């Protein structure tokens, strides 16, 4: 373990700005609009941006070249959408957008699909994502059988259930939550906050409350069946990413950053980093092979197991992180940054 830790520190030193503070250097990626979401599309980075009043989509190649993806909205709210999530299997890009409107100011959702040249909004019936029983959509993820959207929907028993929509023939269809671990009850309410691909299925993270006691939780879909786990000493799980057979989940525990990893979600020992009740967390990314979280803590920091280093460049809340074409990117504040 000591040799591995020393090797990690030496590799990270090669990525640093070389300053006396041992910081890790980042370079700003110049964009003409505010970045909102990131995804990997083969060797390309997909960047969901939004100027003042409409969505845009870009790709960035390994050489740094930026290309506009033609965006074709089909509804008035699609023309104004913010990006809530983007995913790709390397061939097809799927996105979820939303903008508030109507008499009650609810989010009006839009679903998008396409490739690196063009992405098109696929109109859905109002009751697909909206209507009397509607909750929220939290994100989109890929599976070998196609994309899924995760959100919430009115429960037959109490509050909201966790809900999953699947896609076929340009139509999104909500799958039943009743009788599964996604269903809420009078004794147990469930709240999803993020989703990521996990092998043949997806991993949903969030929190639940039972008899007045909140706890961090994960819900895992293997392509056939849902299972659930409570995370040790966790108040809420906020973000996750799975790679190389291991899922990394980050969240909050007693006001501090918490990290669980592995198939059994063991809680890792990491530096004490405060996390506010409303503070977002980006999913962990591999930095030179080391699982790393980028977080705003008196400036943006790179946090890994038993290690913390300052980032040179990014400022503000870290909203998203992604690894693409051997490079690491992060949205901090309203800018996109690349690890040098």
C-alpha atoms as a PDB file:
ATOM      1  CA  UNK A   1       0.000   0.000   0.000  1.00  0.00           C
ATOM      2  CA  UNK A   2       2.883   2.412   0.800  1.00  0.00           C
ATOM      3  CA  UNK A   3       4.446   1.760  -2.600  1.00  0.00           C
ATOM      4  CA  UNK A   4       1.093   2.285  -4.338  1.00  0.00           C
ATOM      5  CA  UNK A   5       0.518   5.552  -2.467  1.00  0.00           C
ATOM      6  CA  UNK A   6       4.017   6.785  -3.369  1.00  0.00           C
ATOM      7  CA  UNK A   7       3.459   5.872  -7.026  1.00  0.00           C
ATOM      8  CA  UNK A   8       0.152   7.738  -7.084  1.00  0.00           C
ATOM      9  CA  UNK A   9       1.741  10.858  -5.621  1.00  0.00           C
ATOM     10  CA  UNK A  10       4.568  10.742  -8.141  1.00  0.00           C
ATOM     11  CA  UNK A  11       2.144  10.404 -11.058  1.00  0.00           C
ATOM     12  CA  UNK A  12       0.004  13.250  -9.803  1.00  0.00           C
ATOM     13  CA  UNK A  13       3.122  15.383  -9.401  1.00  0.00           C
ATOM     14  CA  UNK A  14       3.647  15.051 -13.133  1.00  0.00           C
ATOM     15  CA  UNK A  15       0.234  16.653 -13.672  1.00  0.00           C
ATOM     16  CA  UNK A  16       0.740  19.504 -11.262  1.00  0.00           C
ATOM     17  CA  UNK A  17       1.508  23.090 -12.077  1.00  0.00           C
ATOM     18  CA  UNK A  18       4.831  22.622 -10.325  1.00  0.00           C
ATOM     19  CA  UNK A  19       4.020  25.271  -7.718  1.00  0.00           C
ATOM     20  CA  UNK A  20       5.331  25.201  -4.170  1.00  0.00           C
ATOM     21  CA  UNK A  21       1.838  24.406  -2.967  1.00  0.00           C
ATOM     22  CA  UNK A  22       1.956  21.071  -4.857  1.00  0.00           C
ATOM     23  CA  UNK A  23      -1.162  22.015  -6.778  1.00  0.00           C
ATOM     24  CA  UNK A  24      -2.522  20.214  -9.828  1.00  0.00           C
ATOM     25  CA  UNK A  25      -2.654  22.366 -12.935  1.00  0.00           C
ATOM     26  CA  UNK A  26      -5.767  22.882 -15.074  1.00  0.00           C
ATOM     27  CA  UNK A  27      -6.293  24.786 -18.313  1.00  0.00           C
ATOM     28  CA  UNK A  28      -9.528  26.594 -19.161  1.00  0.00           C
ATOM     29  CA  UNK A  29     -11.433  25.400 -22.220  1.00  0.00           C
ATOM     30  CA  UNK A  30     -12.825  28.445 -23.988  1.00  0.00           C
ATOM     31  CA  UNK A  31     -16.538  28.137 -24.738  1.00  0.00           C
ATOM     32  CA  UNK A  32     -19.086  30.653 -25.940  1.00  0.00           C
ATOM     33  CA  UNK A  33     -21.811  29.478 -23.519  1.00  0.00           C
ATOM     34  CA  UNK A  34     -22.203  28.117 -19.988  1.00  0.00           C
ATOM     35  CA  UNK A  35     -21.406  24.388 -19.696  1.00  0.00           C
ATOM     36  CA  UNK A  36     -24.064  22.340 -17.891  1.00  0.00           C
ATOM     37  CA  UNK A  37     -23.368  18.648 -18.546  1.00  0.00           C
ATOM     38  CA  UNK A  38     -20.580  16.360 -19.760  1.00  0.00           C
ATOM     39  CA  UNK A  39     -20.430  12.868 -21.279  1.00  0.00           C
ATOM     40  CA  UNK A  40     -17.946  10.658 -23.080  1.00  0.00           C
ATOM     41  CA  UNK A  41     -18.814   9.709 -26.668  1.00  0.00           C
ATOM     42  CA  UNK A  42     -16.129   7.338 -27.909  1.00  0.00           C
ATOM     43  CA  UNK A  43     -12.953   9.436 -28.110  1.00  0.00           C
ATOM     44  CA  UNK A  44     -14.966  12.652 -27.912  1.00  0.00           C
ATOM     45  CA  UNK A  45     -16.090  14.741 -24.971  1.00  0.00           C
ATOM     46  CA  UNK A  46     -19.721  15.854 -25.290  1.00  0.00           C
ATOM     47  CA  UNK A  47     -20.459  19.231 -23.699  1.00  0.00           C
ATOM     48  CA  UNK A  48     -24.011  20.372 -23.087  1.00  0.00           C
ATOM     49  CA  UNK A  49     -24.052  24.174 -22.950  1.00  0.00           C
ATOM     50  CA  UNK A  50     -26.674  26.872 -22.721  1.00  0.00           C
ATOM     51  CA  UNK A  51     -26.390  30.484 -23.842  1.00  0.00           C
ATOM     52  CA  UNK A  52     -28.964  32.865 -22.410  1.00  0.00           C
ATOM     53  CA  UNK A  53     -32.112  31.159 -23.688  1.00  0.00           C
ATOM     54  CA  UNK A  54     -31.520  27.884 -25.561  1.00  0.00           C
ATOM     55  CA  UNK A  55     -29.521  24.631 -25.372  1.00  0.00           C
ATOM     56  CA  UNK A  56     -26.447  23.833 -27.434  1.00  0.00           C
ATOM     57  CA  UNK A  57     -24.255  20.758 -27.774  1.00  0.00           C
ATOM     58  CA  UNK A  58     -20.541  20.530 -28.624  1.00  0.00           C
ATOM     59  CA  UNK A  59     -17.980  17.799 -29.023  1.00  0.00           C
ATOM     60  CA  UNK A  60     -14.291  18.145 -28.236  1.00  0.00           C
ATOM     61  CA  UNK A  61     -11.766  15.892 -29.918  1.00  0.00           C
ATOM     62  CA  UNK A  62      -8.529  14.498 -28.555  1.00  0.00           C
ATOM     63  CA  UNK A  63      -6.716  17.337 -30.342  1.00  0.00           C
ATOM     64  CA  UNK A  64      -8.855  19.972 -28.630  1.00  0.00           C
ATOM     65  CA  UNK A  65     -10.952  20.836 -31.682  1.00  0.00           C
ATOM     66  CA  UNK A  66     -14.525  21.870 -30.842  1.00  0.00           C
ATOM     67  CA  UNK A  67     -17.428  21.018 -33.159  1.00  0.00           C
ATOM     68  CA  UNK A  68     -21.059  22.053 -32.945  1.00  0.00           C
ATOM     69  CA  UNK A  69     -23.642  19.284 -32.916  1.00  0.00           C
ATOM     70  CA  UNK A  70     -26.757  20.273 -34.819  1.00  0.00           C
ATOM     71  CA  UNK A  71     -29.625  20.501 -32.325  1.00  0.00           C
ATOM     72  CA  UNK A  72     -33.202  20.126 -33.554  1.00  0.00           C
ATOM     73  CA  UNK A  73     -35.851  20.945 -30.938  1.00  0.00           C
ATOM     74  CA  UNK A  74     -39.456  19.889 -31.500  1.00  0.00           C
ATOM     75  CA  UNK A  75     -41.326  21.637 -28.675  1.00  0.00           C
ATOM     76  CA  UNK A  76     -41.359  25.168 -27.249  1.00  0.00           C
ATOM     77  CA  UNK A  77     -39.778  23.982 -23.983  1.00  0.00           C
ATOM     78  CA  UNK A  78     -37.198  21.961 -25.870  1.00  0.00           C
ATOM     79  CA  UNK A  79     -36.076  25.198 -27.503  1.00  0.00           C
ATOM     80  CA  UNK A  80     -35.387  26.660 -24.032  1.00  0.00           C
ATOM     81  CA  UNK A  81     -34.112  23.615 -22.152  1.00  0.00           C
ATOM     82  CA  UNK A  82     -31.276  23.329 -19.691  1.00  0.00           C
ATOM     83  CA  UNK A  83     -29.303  20.079 -19.748  1.00  0.00           C
ATOM     84  CA  UNK A  84     -30.127  17.732 -16.862  1.00  0.00           C
ATOM     85  CA  UNK A  85     -28.065  14.839 -18.180  1.00  0.00           C
ATOM     86  CA  UNK A  86     -26.296  13.413 -21.230  1.00  0.00           C
ATOM     87  CA  UNK A  87     -25.047   9.883 -21.886  1.00  0.00           C
ATOM     88  CA  UNK A  88     -23.595   7.902 -24.781  1.00  0.00           C
ATOM     89  CA  UNK A  89     -22.707   4.338 -25.728  1.00  0.00           C
ATOM     90  CA  UNK A  90     -20.110   5.572 -28.211  1.00  0.00           C
ATOM     91  CA  UNK A  91     -22.576   5.580 -31.106  1.00  0.00           C
ATOM     92  CA  UNK A  92     -25.794   7.163 -29.847  1.00  0.00           C
ATOM     93  CA  UNK A  93     -26.087  10.241 -27.634  1.00  0.00           C
ATOM     94  CA  UNK A  94     -29.125  10.546 -25.349  1.00  0.00           C
ATOM     95  CA  UNK A  95     -29.981  13.672 -23.403  1.00  0.00           C
ATOM     96  CA  UNK A  96     -32.554  14.967 -20.944  1.00  0.00           C
ATOM     97  CA  UNK A  97     -33.441  18.649 -20.902  1.00  0.00           C
ATOM     98  CA  UNK A  98     -35.845  20.720 -18.879  1.00  0.00           C
ATOM     99  CA  UNK A  99     -37.142  24.232 -18.397  1.00  0.00           C
ATOM    100  CA  UNK A 100     -39.681  25.540 -15.922  1.00  0.00           C
ATOM    101  CA  UNK A 101     -42.959  26.912 -17.200  1.00  0.00           C
ATOM    102  CA  UNK A 102     -46.721  26.735 -17.075  1.00  0.00           C
ATOM    103  CA  UNK A 103     -49.092  27.913 -14.377  1.00  0.00           C
ATOM    104  CA  UNK A 104     -47.308  26.001 -11.606  1.00  0.00           C
ATOM    105  CA  UNK A 105     -43.738  26.552 -12.730  1.00  0.00           C
ATOM    106  CA  UNK A 106     -43.024  22.836 -13.026  1.00  0.00           C
ATOM    107  CA  UNK A 107     -40.126  21.574 -15.126  1.00  0.00           C
ATOM    108  CA  UNK A 108     -41.222  20.711 -18.666  1.00  0.00           C
ATOM    109  CA  UNK A 109     -39.027  17.860 -19.821  1.00  0.00           C
ATOM    110  CA  UNK A 110     -37.509  17.137 -23.213  1.00  0.00           C
ATOM    111  CA  UNK A 111     -35.794  13.947 -24.402  1.00  0.00           C
ATOM    112  CA  UNK A 112     -33.095  14.001 -27.075  1.00  0.00           C
ATOM    113  CA  UNK A 113     -31.308  11.379 -29.163  1.00  0.00           C
ATOM    114  CA  UNK A 114     -28.781  11.418 -31.997  1.00  0.00           C
ATOM    115  CA  UNK A 115     -25.054  11.187 -32.672  1.00  0.00           C
ATOM    116  CA  UNK A 116     -21.982  13.400 -32.907  1.00  0.00           C
ATOM    117  CA  UNK A 117     -23.425  15.265 -35.897  1.00  0.00           C
ATOM    118  CA  UNK A 118     -27.060  15.842 -34.941  1.00  0.00           C
ATOM    119  CA  UNK A 119     -29.269  15.319 -31.910  1.00  0.00           C
ATOM    120  CA  UNK A 120     -33.049  15.595 -32.180  1.00  0.00           C
ATOM    121  CA  UNK A 121     -35.728  16.144 -29.567  1.00  0.00           C
ATOM    122  CA  UNK A 122     -38.204  13.251 -29.575  1.00  0.00           C
ATOM    123  CA  UNK A 123     -41.576  14.630 -28.429  1.00  0.00           C
ATOM    124  CA  UNK A 124     -43.370  12.588 -25.773  1.00  0.00           C
ATOM    125  CA  UNK A 125     -46.931  12.616 -24.548  1.00  0.00           C
ATOM    126  CA  UNK A 126     -47.483  15.065 -21.704  1.00  0.00           C
ATOM    127  CA  UNK A 127     -48.261  12.213 -19.297  1.00  0.00           C
ATOM    128  CA  UNK A 128     -44.932  10.483 -20.021  1.00  0.00           C
ATOM    129  CA  UNK A 129     -42.925  12.765 -17.736  1.00  0.00           C
ATOM    130  CA  UNK A 130     -45.607  15.203 -16.584  1.00  0.00           C
ATOM    131  CA  UNK A 131     -49.122  15.257 -15.254  1.00  0.00           C
ATOM    132  CA  UNK A 132     -50.762  14.750 -11.888  1.00  0.00           C
ATOM    133  CA  UNK A 133     -48.377  12.087 -10.572  1.00  0.00           C
ATOM    134  CA  UNK A 134     -45.153  13.591 -11.901  1.00  0.00           C
ATOM    135  CA  UNK A 135     -42.050  13.945  -9.791  1.00  0.00           C
ATOM    136  CA  UNK A 136     -38.597  14.873 -11.123  1.00  0.00           C
ATOM    137  CA  UNK A 137     -36.109  13.473 -13.611  1.00  0.00           C
ATOM    138  CA  UNK A 138     -32.603  13.211 -12.197  1.00  0.00           C
ATOM    139  CA  UNK A 139     -30.601  11.883 -15.120  1.00  0.00           C
ATOM    140  CA  UNK A 140     -30.027   9.414 -17.929  1.00  0.00           C
ATOM    141  CA  UNK A 141     -27.697   6.424 -18.260  1.00  0.00           C
ATOM    142  CA  UNK A 142     -26.838   3.773 -20.846  1.00  0.00           C
ATOM    143  CA  UNK A 143     -27.278   0.019 -20.577  1.00  0.00           C
ATOM    144  CA  UNK A 144     -26.519  -2.655 -23.194  1.00  0.00           C
ATOM    145  CA  UNK A 145     -30.271  -2.761 -23.865  1.00  0.00           C
ATOM    146  CA  UNK A 146     -30.544   0.972 -24.396  1.00  0.00           C
ATOM    147  CA  UNK A 147     -30.809   4.193 -22.394  1.00  0.00           C
ATOM    148  CA  UNK A 148     -32.850   4.618 -19.226  1.00  0.00           C
ATOM    149  CA  UNK A 149     -34.058   7.754 -17.474  1.00  0.00           C
ATOM    150  CA  UNK A 150     -34.329   7.759 -13.691  1.00  0.00           C
ATOM    151  CA  UNK A 151     -36.610  10.029 -11.708  1.00  0.00           C
ATOM    152  CA  UNK A 152     -39.555   9.869  -9.356  1.00  0.00           C
ATOM    153  CA  UNK A 153     -43.307   9.356  -9.659  1.00  0.00           C
ATOM    154  CA  UNK A 154     -46.301   9.417  -7.347  1.00  0.00           C
ATOM    155  CA  UNK A 155     -46.425   6.313  -5.165  1.00  0.00           C
ATOM    156  CA  UNK A 156     -49.568   4.269  -4.677  1.00  0.00           C
ATOM    157  CA  UNK A 157     -48.643   3.964  -0.990  1.00  0.00           C
ATOM    158  CA  UNK A 158     -46.868   7.146   0.145  1.00  0.00           C
ATOM    159  CA  UNK A 159     -44.893  10.032  -1.301  1.00  0.00           C
ATOM    160  CA  UNK A 160     -42.955   9.292  -4.457  1.00  0.00           C
ATOM    161  CA  UNK A 161     -41.479   6.084  -5.836  1.00  0.00           C
ATOM    162  CA  UNK A 162     -38.180   5.921  -7.665  1.00  0.00           C
ATOM    163  CA  UNK A 163     -39.109   5.504 -11.337  1.00  0.00           C
ATOM    164  CA  UNK A 164     -37.332   4.204 -14.427  1.00  0.00           C
ATOM    165  CA  UNK A 165     -38.222   4.958 -18.057  1.00  0.00           C
ATOM    166  CA  UNK A 166     -36.969   2.801 -20.942  1.00  0.00           C
ATOM    167  CA  UNK A 167     -36.731   3.778 -24.607  1.00  0.00           C
ATOM    168  CA  UNK A 168     -37.968   1.972 -27.723  1.00  0.00           C
ATOM    169  CA  UNK A 169     -39.311   3.223 -31.040  1.00  0.00           C
ATOM    170  CA  UNK A 170     -38.826   6.914 -30.165  1.00  0.00           C
ATOM    171  CA  UNK A 171     -41.042   6.449 -27.082  1.00  0.00           C
ATOM    172  CA  UNK A 172     -40.128   6.576 -23.410  1.00  0.00           C
ATOM    173  CA  UNK A 173     -42.160   4.234 -21.182  1.00  0.00           C
ATOM    174  CA  UNK A 174     -42.249   4.293 -17.394  1.00  0.00           C
ATOM    175  CA  UNK A 175     -41.768   0.864 -15.840  1.00  0.00           C
ATOM    176  CA  UNK A 176     -43.749  -0.254 -12.761  1.00  0.00           C
ATOM    177  CA  UNK A 177     -42.117   0.460  -9.410  1.00  0.00           C
ATOM    178  CA  UNK A 178     -44.765  -1.294  -7.295  1.00  0.00           C
ATOM    179  CA  UNK A 179     -43.550  -4.516  -5.753  1.00  0.00           C
ATOM    180  CA  UNK A 180     -39.871  -3.571  -6.156  1.00  0.00           C
ATOM    181  CA  UNK A 181     -37.344  -1.875  -3.867  1.00  0.00           C
ATOM    182  CA  UNK A 182     -38.096   1.370  -5.742  1.00  0.00           C
ATOM    183  CA  UNK A 183     -41.491   1.630  -4.073  1.00  0.00           C
ATOM    184  CA  UNK A 184     -42.029   3.932  -1.092  1.00  0.00           C
ATOM    185  CA  UNK A 185     -44.324   3.142   1.809  1.00  0.00           C
ATOM    186  CA  UNK A 186     -45.694   4.724   4.978  1.00  0.00           C
ATOM    187  CA  UNK A 187     -42.610   3.411   6.785  1.00  0.00           C
ATOM    188  CA  UNK A 188     -39.949   4.086   4.167  1.00  0.00           C
ATOM    189  CA  UNK A 189     -39.675   7.009   1.722  1.00  0.00           C
ATOM    190  CA  UNK A 190     -37.074   6.920  -1.059  1.00  0.00           C
ATOM    191  CA  UNK A 191     -35.357   9.835  -2.856  1.00  0.00           C
ATOM    192  CA  UNK A 192     -33.076   9.291  -5.902  1.00  0.00           C
ATOM    193  CA  UNK A 193     -30.396  11.895  -6.621  1.00  0.00           C
ATOM    194  CA  UNK A 194     -28.120  10.491  -9.347  1.00  0.00           C
ATOM    195  CA  UNK A 195     -27.714   7.572 -11.753  1.00  0.00           C
ATOM    196  CA  UNK A 196     -24.813   5.928 -13.567  1.00  0.00           C
ATOM    197  CA  UNK A 197     -24.271   2.868 -15.730  1.00  0.00           C
ATOM    198  CA  UNK A 198     -23.276  -0.267 -13.828  1.00  0.00           C
ATOM    199  CA  UNK A 199     -22.401  -3.215 -16.064  1.00  0.00           C
ATOM    200  CA  UNK A 200     -25.563  -4.507 -17.716  1.00  0.00           C
ATOM    201  CA  UNK A 201     -27.718  -2.154 -15.640  1.00  0.00           C
ATOM    202  CA  UNK A 202     -27.615   1.044 -13.622  1.00  0.00           C
ATOM    203  CA  UNK A 203     -26.805   2.247 -10.138  1.00  0.00           C
ATOM    204  CA  UNK A 204     -29.095   4.844  -8.576  1.00  0.00           C
ATOM    205  CA  UNK A 205     -27.918   6.715  -5.490  1.00  0.00           C
ATOM    206  CA  UNK A 206     -29.735   8.946  -3.040  1.00  0.00           C
ATOM    207  CA  UNK A 207     -31.247   8.707   0.400  1.00  0.00           C
ATOM    208  CA  UNK A 208     -34.209   7.286   2.246  1.00  0.00           C
ATOM    209  CA  UNK A 209     -35.962   7.995   5.501  1.00  0.00           C
ATOM    210  CA  UNK A 210     -37.362   5.328   7.813  1.00  0.00           C
ATOM    211  CA  UNK A 211     -39.115   6.191  11.073  1.00  0.00           C
ATOM    212  CA  UNK A 212     -37.694   9.701  10.928  1.00  0.00           C
ATOM    213  CA  UNK A 213     -34.092   8.565  10.392  1.00  0.00           C
ATOM    214  CA  UNK A 214     -32.397   9.428   7.073  1.00  0.00           C
ATOM    215  CA  UNK A 215     -29.716   7.232   5.538  1.00  0.00           C
ATOM    216  CA  UNK A 216     -27.711   7.118   2.312  1.00  0.00           C
ATOM    217  CA  UNK A 217     -28.806   4.352  -0.024  1.00  0.00           C
ATOM    218  CA  UNK A 218     -28.160   2.827  -3.419  1.00  0.00           C
ATOM    219  CA  UNK A 219     -30.480   0.929  -5.736  1.00  0.00           C
ATOM    220  CA  UNK A 220     -28.863  -1.413  -8.258  1.00  0.00           C
ATOM    221  CA  UNK A 221     -30.491  -2.771 -11.439  1.00  0.00           C
ATOM    222  CA  UNK A 222     -28.694  -5.685 -13.098  1.00  0.00           C
ATOM    223  CA  UNK A 223     -30.865  -5.636 -16.212  1.00  0.00           C
ATOM    224  CA  UNK A 224     -33.503  -7.860 -14.627  1.00  0.00           C
ATOM    225  CA  UNK A 225     -33.921  -7.173 -10.906  1.00  0.00           C
ATOM    226  CA  UNK A 226     -33.574  -4.253  -8.510  1.00  0.00           C
ATOM    227  CA  UNK A 227     -31.727  -4.605  -5.190  1.00  0.00           C
ATOM    228  CA  UNK A 228     -30.965  -2.000  -2.538  1.00  0.00           C
ATOM    229  CA  UNK A 229     -28.278  -1.317   0.076  1.00  0.00           C
ATOM    230  CA  UNK A 230     -27.946   1.178   2.924  1.00  0.00           C
ATOM    231  CA  UNK A 231     -24.546   2.888   3.046  1.00  0.00           C
ATOM    232  CA  UNK A 232     -22.732   2.841   6.372  1.00  0.00           C
ATOM    233  CA  UNK A 233     -22.795   6.101   8.346  1.00  0.00           C
ATOM    234  CA  UNK A 234     -24.227   8.007   5.378  1.00  0.00           C
ATOM    235  CA  UNK A 235     -26.831  10.754   5.347  1.00  0.00           C
ATOM    236  CA  UNK A 236     -27.147  10.958   1.542  1.00  0.00           C
ATOM    237  CA  UNK A 237     -25.383   9.593  -1.541  1.00  0.00           C
ATOM    238  CA  UNK A 238     -25.040  12.368  -4.112  1.00  0.00           C
ATOM    239  CA  UNK A 239     -23.071  11.025  -7.095  1.00  0.00           C
ATOM    240  CA  UNK A 240     -21.551   7.814  -8.442  1.00  0.00           C
ATOM    241  CA  UNK A 241     -19.539   6.303 -11.261  1.00  0.00           C
ATOM    242  CA  UNK A 242     -18.606   2.689 -11.996  1.00  0.00           C
ATOM    243  CA  UNK A 243     -15.529   1.487 -13.909  1.00  0.00           C
ATOM    244  CA  UNK A 244     -13.286  -1.587 -13.934  1.00  0.00           C
ATOM    245  CA  UNK A 245     -15.919  -3.541 -12.018  1.00  0.00           C
ATOM    246  CA  UNK A 246     -16.036  -1.132  -9.070  1.00  0.00           C
ATOM    247  CA  UNK A 247     -18.646   1.485  -8.238  1.00  0.00           C
ATOM    248  CA  UNK A 248     -17.546   4.631  -6.422  1.00  0.00           C
ATOM    249  CA  UNK A 249     -20.269   6.492  -4.529  1.00  0.00           C
ATOM    250  CA  UNK A 250     -19.747   9.862  -2.853  1.00  0.00           C
ATOM    251  CA  UNK A 251     -22.060  11.704  -0.524  1.00  0.00           C
ATOM    252  CA  UNK A 252     -22.450  13.331   2.837  1.00  0.00           C
ATOM    253  CA  UNK A 253     -22.028  11.985   6.374  1.00  0.00           C
ATOM    254  CA  UNK A 254     -22.482  14.288   9.344  1.00  0.00           C
ATOM    255  CA  UNK A 255     -21.618  17.307   7.234  1.00  0.00           C
ATOM    256  CA  UNK A 256     -18.484  15.794   5.701  1.00  0.00           C
ATOM    257  CA  UNK A 257     -17.549  14.089   2.440  1.00  0.00           C
ATOM    258  CA  UNK A 258     -18.169  10.341   2.487  1.00  0.00           C
ATOM    259  CA  UNK A 259     -16.990   7.754  -0.029  1.00  0.00           C
ATOM    260  CA  UNK A 260     -18.096   4.151  -0.499  1.00  0.00           C
ATOM    261  CA  UNK A 261     -16.568   1.749  -3.028  1.00  0.00           C
ATOM    262  CA  UNK A 262     -16.626  -1.815  -4.300  1.00  0.00           C
ATOM    263  CA  UNK A 263     -19.374  -4.331  -4.815  1.00  0.00           C
ATOM    264  CA  UNK A 264     -20.041  -4.247  -1.062  1.00  0.00           C
ATOM    265  CA  UNK A 265     -19.829  -0.423  -0.780  1.00  0.00           C
ATOM    266  CA  UNK A 266     -17.148  -0.299   1.889  1.00  0.00           C
ATOM    267  CA  UNK A 267     -16.717   3.139   3.424  1.00  0.00           C
ATOM    268  CA  UNK A 268     -13.268   4.514   2.619  1.00  0.00           C
ATOM    269  CA  UNK A 269     -11.026   6.567   4.874  1.00  0.00           C
ATOM    270  CA  UNK A 270     -10.514   9.970   3.253  1.00  0.00           C
ATOM    271  CA  UNK A 271      -9.503  13.473   4.394  1.00  0.00           C
ATOM    272  CA  UNK A 272     -12.044  15.501   6.344  1.00  0.00           C
ATOM    273  CA  UNK A 273     -13.794  17.687   3.775  1.00  0.00           C
ATOM    274  CA  UNK A 274     -16.974  19.599   4.703  1.00  0.00           C
ATOM    275  CA  UNK A 275     -20.025  19.176   2.452  1.00  0.00           C
ATOM    276  CA  UNK A 276     -22.964  21.549   2.850  1.00  0.00           C
ATOM    277  CA  UNK A 277     -26.584  20.443   2.782  1.00  0.00           C
ATOM    278  CA  UNK A 278     -27.113  22.016  -0.645  1.00  0.00           C
ATOM    279  CA  UNK A 279     -23.639  21.428  -2.066  1.00  0.00           C
ATOM    280  CA  UNK A 280     -23.518  19.389  -5.278  1.00  0.00           C
ATOM    281  CA  UNK A 281     -20.936  16.665  -5.806  1.00  0.00           C
ATOM    282  CA  UNK A 282     -19.514  15.493  -9.107  1.00  0.00           C
ATOM    283  CA  UNK A 283     -19.043  11.783  -9.716  1.00  0.00           C
ATOM    284  CA  UNK A 284     -15.530  10.444  -9.090  1.00  0.00           C
ATOM    285  CA  UNK A 285     -13.191  10.107 -12.077  1.00  0.00           C
ATOM    286  CA  UNK A 286      -9.940   8.189 -12.579  1.00  0.00           C
ATOM    287  CA  UNK A 287      -6.953  10.529 -12.491  1.00  0.00           C
ATOM    288  CA  UNK A 288      -3.940   8.572 -13.692  1.00  0.00           C
ATOM    289  CA  UNK A 289      -5.736   5.449 -12.516  1.00  0.00           C
ATOM    290  CA  UNK A 290      -6.586   6.819  -9.078  1.00  0.00           C
ATOM    291  CA  UNK A 291     -10.275   7.316  -8.203  1.00  0.00           C
ATOM    292  CA  UNK A 292     -10.553  11.021  -7.456  1.00  0.00           C
ATOM    293  CA  UNK A 293     -13.255  13.476  -6.447  1.00  0.00           C
ATOM    294  CA  UNK A 294     -13.027  17.144  -7.386  1.00  0.00           C
ATOM    295  CA  UNK A 295     -14.791  19.317  -4.831  1.00  0.00           C
ATOM    296  CA  UNK A 296     -14.992  22.998  -3.836  1.00  0.00           C
ATOM    297  CA  UNK A 297     -13.426  23.169  -0.359  1.00  0.00           C
ATOM    298  CA  UNK A 298     -11.728  26.526   0.206  1.00  0.00           C
ATOM    299  CA  UNK A 299     -10.947  26.317  -3.475  1.00  0.00           C
ATOM    300  CA  UNK A 300     -11.276  23.298  -5.746  1.00  0.00           C
ATOM    301  CA  UNK A 301      -9.441  20.244  -4.420  1.00  0.00           C
ATOM    302  CA  UNK A 302      -8.629  16.788  -5.780  1.00  0.00           C
ATOM    303  CA  UNK A 303      -9.470  14.271  -3.070  1.00  0.00           C
ATOM    304  CA  UNK A 304      -8.521  10.610  -3.164  1.00  0.00           C
ATOM    305  CA  UNK A 305      -8.165   7.952  -0.512  1.00  0.00           C
ATOM    306  CA  UNK A 306      -5.894   9.500   2.178  1.00  0.00           C
ATOM    307  CA  UNK A 307      -4.889  12.407  -0.025  1.00  0.00           C
ATOM    308  CA  UNK A 308      -5.954  15.960  -0.937  1.00  0.00           C
ATOM    309  CA  UNK A 309      -4.360  18.416  -3.379  1.00  0.00           C
ATOM    310  CA  UNK A 310      -5.414  21.888  -4.549  1.00  0.00           C
ATOM    311  CA  UNK A 311      -6.403  22.507  -8.158  1.00  0.00           C
ATOM    312  CA  UNK A 312      -4.688  25.397  -9.889  1.00  0.00           C
ATOM    313  CA  UNK A 313      -7.264  27.209 -12.039  1.00  0.00           C
ATOM    314  CA  UNK A 314     -10.847  26.073 -11.357  1.00  0.00           C
ATOM    315  CA  UNK A 315     -12.969  28.054  -8.909  1.00  0.00           C
ATOM    316  CA  UNK A 316     -16.529  27.723  -7.659  1.00  0.00           C
ATOM    317  CA  UNK A 317     -18.838  24.774  -7.159  1.00  0.00           C
ATOM    318  CA  UNK A 318     -17.840  21.632  -9.043  1.00  0.00           C
ATOM    319  CA  UNK A 319     -20.902  20.572 -11.045  1.00  0.00           C
ATOM    320  CA  UNK A 320     -19.611  17.758 -13.251  1.00  0.00           C
ATOM    321  CA  UNK A 321     -16.465  15.797 -14.064  1.00  0.00           C
ATOM    322  CA  UNK A 322     -15.707  13.442 -16.932  1.00  0.00           C
ATOM    323  CA  UNK A 323     -12.782  11.470 -18.344  1.00  0.00           C
ATOM    324  CA  UNK A 324     -12.546  11.311 -22.135  1.00  0.00           C
ATOM    325  CA  UNK A 325      -9.739  10.446 -24.566  1.00  0.00           C
ATOM    326  CA  UNK A 326      -7.304  10.033 -21.690  1.00  0.00           C
ATOM    327  CA  UNK A 327      -8.045  13.502 -20.315  1.00  0.00           C
ATOM    328  CA  UNK A 328     -10.027  14.731 -17.300  1.00  0.00           C
ATOM    329  CA  UNK A 329     -12.489  17.628 -17.534  1.00  0.00           C
ATOM    330  CA  UNK A 330     -14.447  19.456 -14.864  1.00  0.00           C
ATOM    331  CA  UNK A 331     -17.181  22.097 -14.796  1.00  0.00           C
ATOM    332  CA  UNK A 332     -16.408  24.446 -11.934  1.00  0.00           C
ATOM    333  CA  UNK A 333     -18.400  27.610 -11.503  1.00  0.00           C
ATOM    334  CA  UNK A 334     -19.533  28.432 -15.016  1.00  0.00           C
ATOM    335  CA  UNK A 335     -16.399  27.297 -16.848  1.00  0.00           C
ATOM    336  CA  UNK A 336     -14.976  24.097 -18.296  1.00  0.00           C
ATOM    337  CA  UNK A 337     -11.464  23.077 -17.295  1.00  0.00           C
ATOM    338  CA  UNK A 338      -9.044  20.381 -18.481  1.00  0.00           C
ATOM    339  CA  UNK A 339      -6.476  18.755 -16.246  1.00  0.00           C
ATOM    340  CA  UNK A 340      -3.107  19.676 -17.718  1.00  0.00           C
END
